[in-house]
């Protein structure tokens, strides 16, 4: 079965948004510094929420593109939720979740790892490992402009 995930990035970073360097230099919930990963979301709306929880400057919301990512479910391993630490979704991000994602990336178990979203835990984010041999099997689509509705941040047009 094919799955479509989404990545929303600033337009100026679009050309390098699938090399894993952004997360390598600025680690997220599922990786330590030095570990390249690509964060995607299971829906476009979840991808938007994942951006909104980190945005500090409202003006940058006009500068994003969305990029579809299509892959075969067989390339993806699902994180066993029973093995998540109780504080996995806390802020600041616990070391334990970074340990889990980084260990997966280093082992090269699979090209993708399905993890819960800390923003909406019942929804899924997908981590892509650019170092995995199956990474070229992931179809990265063409980016298109993504517009955040100003009402999301109580801004007037």
C-alpha atoms as a PDB file:
ATOM      1  CA  UNK A   1       0.000   0.000   0.000  1.00  0.00           C
ATOM      2  CA  UNK A   2       1.247   3.491  -0.866  1.00  0.00           C
ATOM      3  CA  UNK A   3       1.359   6.188   1.811  1.00  0.00           C
ATOM      4  CA  UNK A   4       1.577   9.906   1.164  1.00  0.00           C
ATOM      5  CA  UNK A   5       3.275  12.030   3.796  1.00  0.00           C
ATOM      6  CA  UNK A   6       3.949  15.767   3.695  1.00  0.00           C
ATOM      7  CA  UNK A   7       6.815  18.087   4.407  1.00  0.00           C
ATOM      8  CA  UNK A   8       6.358  21.835   4.771  1.00  0.00           C
ATOM      9  CA  UNK A   9       9.519  23.907   4.569  1.00  0.00           C
ATOM     10  CA  UNK A  10      10.528  27.484   3.994  1.00  0.00           C
ATOM     11  CA  UNK A  11      10.754  28.039   0.251  1.00  0.00           C
ATOM     12  CA  UNK A  12      14.397  29.110   0.528  1.00  0.00           C
ATOM     13  CA  UNK A  13      15.283  25.660   1.927  1.00  0.00           C
ATOM     14  CA  UNK A  14      13.284  23.625  -0.590  1.00  0.00           C
ATOM     15  CA  UNK A  15      16.304  22.500  -2.649  1.00  0.00           C
ATOM     16  CA  UNK A  16      17.974  20.886   0.349  1.00  0.00           C
ATOM     17  CA  UNK A  17      14.927  19.855   2.359  1.00  0.00           C
ATOM     18  CA  UNK A  18      15.542  16.135   1.840  1.00  0.00           C
ATOM     19  CA  UNK A  19      19.221  15.822   2.719  1.00  0.00           C
ATOM     20  CA  UNK A  20      18.684  15.521   6.486  1.00  0.00           C
ATOM     21  CA  UNK A  21      21.165  18.290   7.260  1.00  0.00           C
ATOM     22  CA  UNK A  22      18.572  20.561   8.898  1.00  0.00           C
ATOM     23  CA  UNK A  23      17.762  17.994  11.592  1.00  0.00           C
ATOM     24  CA  UNK A  24      21.425  16.971  11.808  1.00  0.00           C
ATOM     25  CA  UNK A  25      22.342  20.522  12.808  1.00  0.00           C
ATOM     26  CA  UNK A  26      19.105  21.371  14.664  1.00  0.00           C
ATOM     27  CA  UNK A  27      17.874  18.108  16.173  1.00  0.00           C
ATOM     28  CA  UNK A  28      14.203  17.404  16.689  1.00  0.00           C
ATOM     29  CA  UNK A  29      12.286  15.099  18.972  1.00  0.00           C
ATOM     30  CA  UNK A  30      13.654  11.924  17.398  1.00  0.00           C
ATOM     31  CA  UNK A  31      17.331  12.636  16.724  1.00  0.00           C
ATOM     32  CA  UNK A  32      20.507  13.817  18.412  1.00  0.00           C
ATOM     33  CA  UNK A  33      22.836  16.396  16.854  1.00  0.00           C
ATOM     34  CA  UNK A  34      24.874  14.848  14.056  1.00  0.00           C
ATOM     35  CA  UNK A  35      22.140  12.384  13.003  1.00  0.00           C
ATOM     36  CA  UNK A  36      20.541  13.343   9.668  1.00  0.00           C
ATOM     37  CA  UNK A  37      16.767  12.749   9.496  1.00  0.00           C
ATOM     38  CA  UNK A  38      13.892  14.173   7.513  1.00  0.00           C
ATOM     39  CA  UNK A  39      10.668  14.857   9.391  1.00  0.00           C
ATOM     40  CA  UNK A  40       7.358  14.448   7.547  1.00  0.00           C
ATOM     41  CA  UNK A  41       3.734  14.241   8.670  1.00  0.00           C
ATOM     42  CA  UNK A  42       0.948  11.830   7.787  1.00  0.00           C
ATOM     43  CA  UNK A  43      -1.320  14.645   6.569  1.00  0.00           C
ATOM     44  CA  UNK A  44      -0.912  18.139   5.236  1.00  0.00           C
ATOM     45  CA  UNK A  45      -2.873  19.582   8.155  1.00  0.00           C
ATOM     46  CA  UNK A  46      -0.634  17.819  10.691  1.00  0.00           C
ATOM     47  CA  UNK A  47       2.442  19.106   8.839  1.00  0.00           C
ATOM     48  CA  UNK A  48       1.021  22.628   9.186  1.00  0.00           C
ATOM     49  CA  UNK A  49       0.436  22.197  12.916  1.00  0.00           C
ATOM     50  CA  UNK A  50       3.964  20.853  13.366  1.00  0.00           C
ATOM     51  CA  UNK A  51       5.252  24.100  11.814  1.00  0.00           C
ATOM     52  CA  UNK A  52       2.927  26.370  13.786  1.00  0.00           C
ATOM     53  CA  UNK A  53       4.077  25.086  17.185  1.00  0.00           C
ATOM     54  CA  UNK A  54       7.612  26.258  16.346  1.00  0.00           C
ATOM     55  CA  UNK A  55       7.007  29.560  14.532  1.00  0.00           C
ATOM     56  CA  UNK A  56       7.948  32.677  16.444  1.00  0.00           C
ATOM     57  CA  UNK A  57       7.760  35.250  13.661  1.00  0.00           C
ATOM     58  CA  UNK A  58       4.354  35.432  11.988  1.00  0.00           C
ATOM     59  CA  UNK A  59       5.691  37.046   8.802  1.00  0.00           C
ATOM     60  CA  UNK A  60       7.606  33.896   7.803  1.00  0.00           C
ATOM     61  CA  UNK A  61       4.333  31.994   7.370  1.00  0.00           C
ATOM     62  CA  UNK A  62       4.039  33.469   3.887  1.00  0.00           C
ATOM     63  CA  UNK A  63       7.263  31.830   2.763  1.00  0.00           C
ATOM     64  CA  UNK A  64       6.502  28.082   2.866  1.00  0.00           C
ATOM     65  CA  UNK A  65       6.054  25.290   0.346  1.00  0.00           C
ATOM     66  CA  UNK A  66       4.514  21.862   0.820  1.00  0.00           C
ATOM     67  CA  UNK A  67       6.059  18.755  -0.698  1.00  0.00           C
ATOM     68  CA  UNK A  68       4.348  15.354  -0.974  1.00  0.00           C
ATOM     69  CA  UNK A  69       6.358  12.235  -0.196  1.00  0.00           C
ATOM     70  CA  UNK A  70       5.043   8.882  -1.436  1.00  0.00           C
ATOM     71  CA  UNK A  71       6.372   5.527  -0.313  1.00  0.00           C
ATOM     72  CA  UNK A  72       5.402   1.902  -0.035  1.00  0.00           C
ATOM     73  CA  UNK A  73       4.311   0.943   3.459  1.00  0.00           C
ATOM     74  CA  UNK A  74       6.708  -2.028   3.282  1.00  0.00           C
ATOM     75  CA  UNK A  75       9.629   0.427   3.525  1.00  0.00           C
ATOM     76  CA  UNK A  76       8.335   1.715   6.865  1.00  0.00           C
ATOM     77  CA  UNK A  77       8.784   0.349  10.356  1.00  0.00           C
ATOM     78  CA  UNK A  78       6.298   1.431  13.037  1.00  0.00           C
ATOM     79  CA  UNK A  79       7.612   2.364  16.451  1.00  0.00           C
ATOM     80  CA  UNK A  80       6.066   0.122  19.070  1.00  0.00           C
ATOM     81  CA  UNK A  81       4.131   2.615  21.174  1.00  0.00           C
ATOM     82  CA  UNK A  82       4.352   0.336  24.203  1.00  0.00           C
ATOM     83  CA  UNK A  83       8.088   1.009  24.307  1.00  0.00           C
ATOM     84  CA  UNK A  84       7.797   4.779  24.399  1.00  0.00           C
ATOM     85  CA  UNK A  85       8.863   6.450  27.626  1.00  0.00           C
ATOM     86  CA  UNK A  86       6.005   8.088  29.518  1.00  0.00           C
ATOM     87  CA  UNK A  87       7.471  11.540  28.920  1.00  0.00           C
ATOM     88  CA  UNK A  88       8.050  11.077  25.166  1.00  0.00           C
ATOM     89  CA  UNK A  89       5.935  14.114  24.207  1.00  0.00           C
ATOM     90  CA  UNK A  90       7.244  16.498  26.879  1.00  0.00           C
ATOM     91  CA  UNK A  91       8.923  19.834  26.285  1.00  0.00           C
ATOM     92  CA  UNK A  92      11.778  20.244  26.577  1.00  0.00           C
ATOM     93  CA  UNK A  93      12.319  17.161  24.452  1.00  0.00           C
ATOM     94  CA  UNK A  94      13.500  14.207  26.543  1.00  0.00           C
ATOM     95  CA  UNK A  95      16.804  12.548  25.688  1.00  0.00           C
ATOM     96  CA  UNK A  96      15.019   9.183  25.601  1.00  0.00           C
ATOM     97  CA  UNK A  97      13.100   9.954  22.399  1.00  0.00           C
ATOM     98  CA  UNK A  98      16.245  11.262  20.735  1.00  0.00           C
ATOM     99  CA  UNK A  99      17.954   8.022  21.789  1.00  0.00           C
ATOM    100  CA  UNK A 100      15.201   5.924  20.174  1.00  0.00           C
ATOM    101  CA  UNK A 101      15.201   7.742  16.835  1.00  0.00           C
ATOM    102  CA  UNK A 102      18.975   8.064  16.648  1.00  0.00           C
ATOM    103  CA  UNK A 103      19.483   4.358  17.391  1.00  0.00           C
ATOM    104  CA  UNK A 104      16.989   3.459  14.645  1.00  0.00           C
ATOM    105  CA  UNK A 105      18.767   5.734  12.164  1.00  0.00           C
ATOM    106  CA  UNK A 106      22.203   4.305  12.986  1.00  0.00           C
ATOM    107  CA  UNK A 107      21.024   0.671  12.715  1.00  0.00           C
ATOM    108  CA  UNK A 108      19.588   1.320   9.239  1.00  0.00           C
ATOM    109  CA  UNK A 109      16.613  -0.905  10.125  1.00  0.00           C
ATOM    110  CA  UNK A 110      14.343   0.734   7.556  1.00  0.00           C
ATOM    111  CA  UNK A 111      14.133   3.767   5.321  1.00  0.00           C
ATOM    112  CA  UNK A 112      11.225   5.219   7.293  1.00  0.00           C
ATOM    113  CA  UNK A 113      10.010   5.103  10.874  1.00  0.00           C
ATOM    114  CA  UNK A 114       6.397   5.877  11.829  1.00  0.00           C
ATOM    115  CA  UNK A 115       6.203   7.740  15.147  1.00  0.00           C
ATOM    116  CA  UNK A 116       3.373   9.496  16.978  1.00  0.00           C
ATOM    117  CA  UNK A 117       3.068  13.263  16.716  1.00  0.00           C
ATOM    118  CA  UNK A 118       3.666  15.149  19.966  1.00  0.00           C
ATOM    119  CA  UNK A 119       1.184  17.760  18.704  1.00  0.00           C
ATOM    120  CA  UNK A 120      -1.594  15.207  18.080  1.00  0.00           C
ATOM    121  CA  UNK A 121      -0.474  11.834  19.494  1.00  0.00           C
ATOM    122  CA  UNK A 122      -3.176   9.877  17.651  1.00  0.00           C
ATOM    123  CA  UNK A 123      -1.669  10.978  14.327  1.00  0.00           C
ATOM    124  CA  UNK A 124       1.542   9.821  12.680  1.00  0.00           C
ATOM    125  CA  UNK A 125       4.756  11.484  11.636  1.00  0.00           C
ATOM    126  CA  UNK A 126       7.238   9.689   9.397  1.00  0.00           C
ATOM    127  CA  UNK A 127      10.990   9.966   9.810  1.00  0.00           C
ATOM    128  CA  UNK A 128      13.019   9.423   6.647  1.00  0.00           C
ATOM    129  CA  UNK A 129      16.584   8.179   6.886  1.00  0.00           C
ATOM    130  CA  UNK A 130      18.598   9.657   3.992  1.00  0.00           C
ATOM    131  CA  UNK A 131      21.453   7.207   4.703  1.00  0.00           C
ATOM    132  CA  UNK A 132      19.317   4.100   4.248  1.00  0.00           C
ATOM    133  CA  UNK A 133      19.771   2.120   0.986  1.00  0.00           C
ATOM    134  CA  UNK A 134      15.979   2.276   0.365  1.00  0.00           C
ATOM    135  CA  UNK A 135      15.900   6.087   0.491  1.00  0.00           C
ATOM    136  CA  UNK A 136      15.949   6.374  -3.339  1.00  0.00           C
ATOM    137  CA  UNK A 137      12.695   4.341  -3.419  1.00  0.00           C
ATOM    138  CA  UNK A 138      10.899   7.211  -1.686  1.00  0.00           C
ATOM    139  CA  UNK A 139       9.128   9.438  -4.226  1.00  0.00           C
ATOM    140  CA  UNK A 140       9.669  13.102  -3.444  1.00  0.00           C
ATOM    141  CA  UNK A 141       7.111  15.244  -5.213  1.00  0.00           C
ATOM    142  CA  UNK A 142       7.246  18.797  -6.473  1.00  0.00           C
ATOM    143  CA  UNK A 143       6.810  21.573  -3.960  1.00  0.00           C
ATOM    144  CA  UNK A 144       3.980  24.044  -4.240  1.00  0.00           C
ATOM    145  CA  UNK A 145       3.258  27.236  -2.343  1.00  0.00           C
ATOM    146  CA  UNK A 146       1.610  26.666   1.016  1.00  0.00           C
ATOM    147  CA  UNK A 147      -0.450  29.438   2.537  1.00  0.00           C
ATOM    148  CA  UNK A 148      -1.216  29.464   6.234  1.00  0.00           C
ATOM    149  CA  UNK A 149      -4.562  31.055   7.012  1.00  0.00           C
ATOM    150  CA  UNK A 150      -3.885  34.243   8.976  1.00  0.00           C
ATOM    151  CA  UNK A 151      -6.694  33.357  11.385  1.00  0.00           C
ATOM    152  CA  UNK A 152      -4.564  30.540  12.766  1.00  0.00           C
ATOM    153  CA  UNK A 153      -2.489  33.164  14.541  1.00  0.00           C
ATOM    154  CA  UNK A 154      -5.234  35.768  14.926  1.00  0.00           C
ATOM    155  CA  UNK A 155      -3.690  38.035  12.318  1.00  0.00           C
ATOM    156  CA  UNK A 156      -5.620  40.308   9.988  1.00  0.00           C
ATOM    157  CA  UNK A 157      -4.879  40.155   6.293  1.00  0.00           C
END
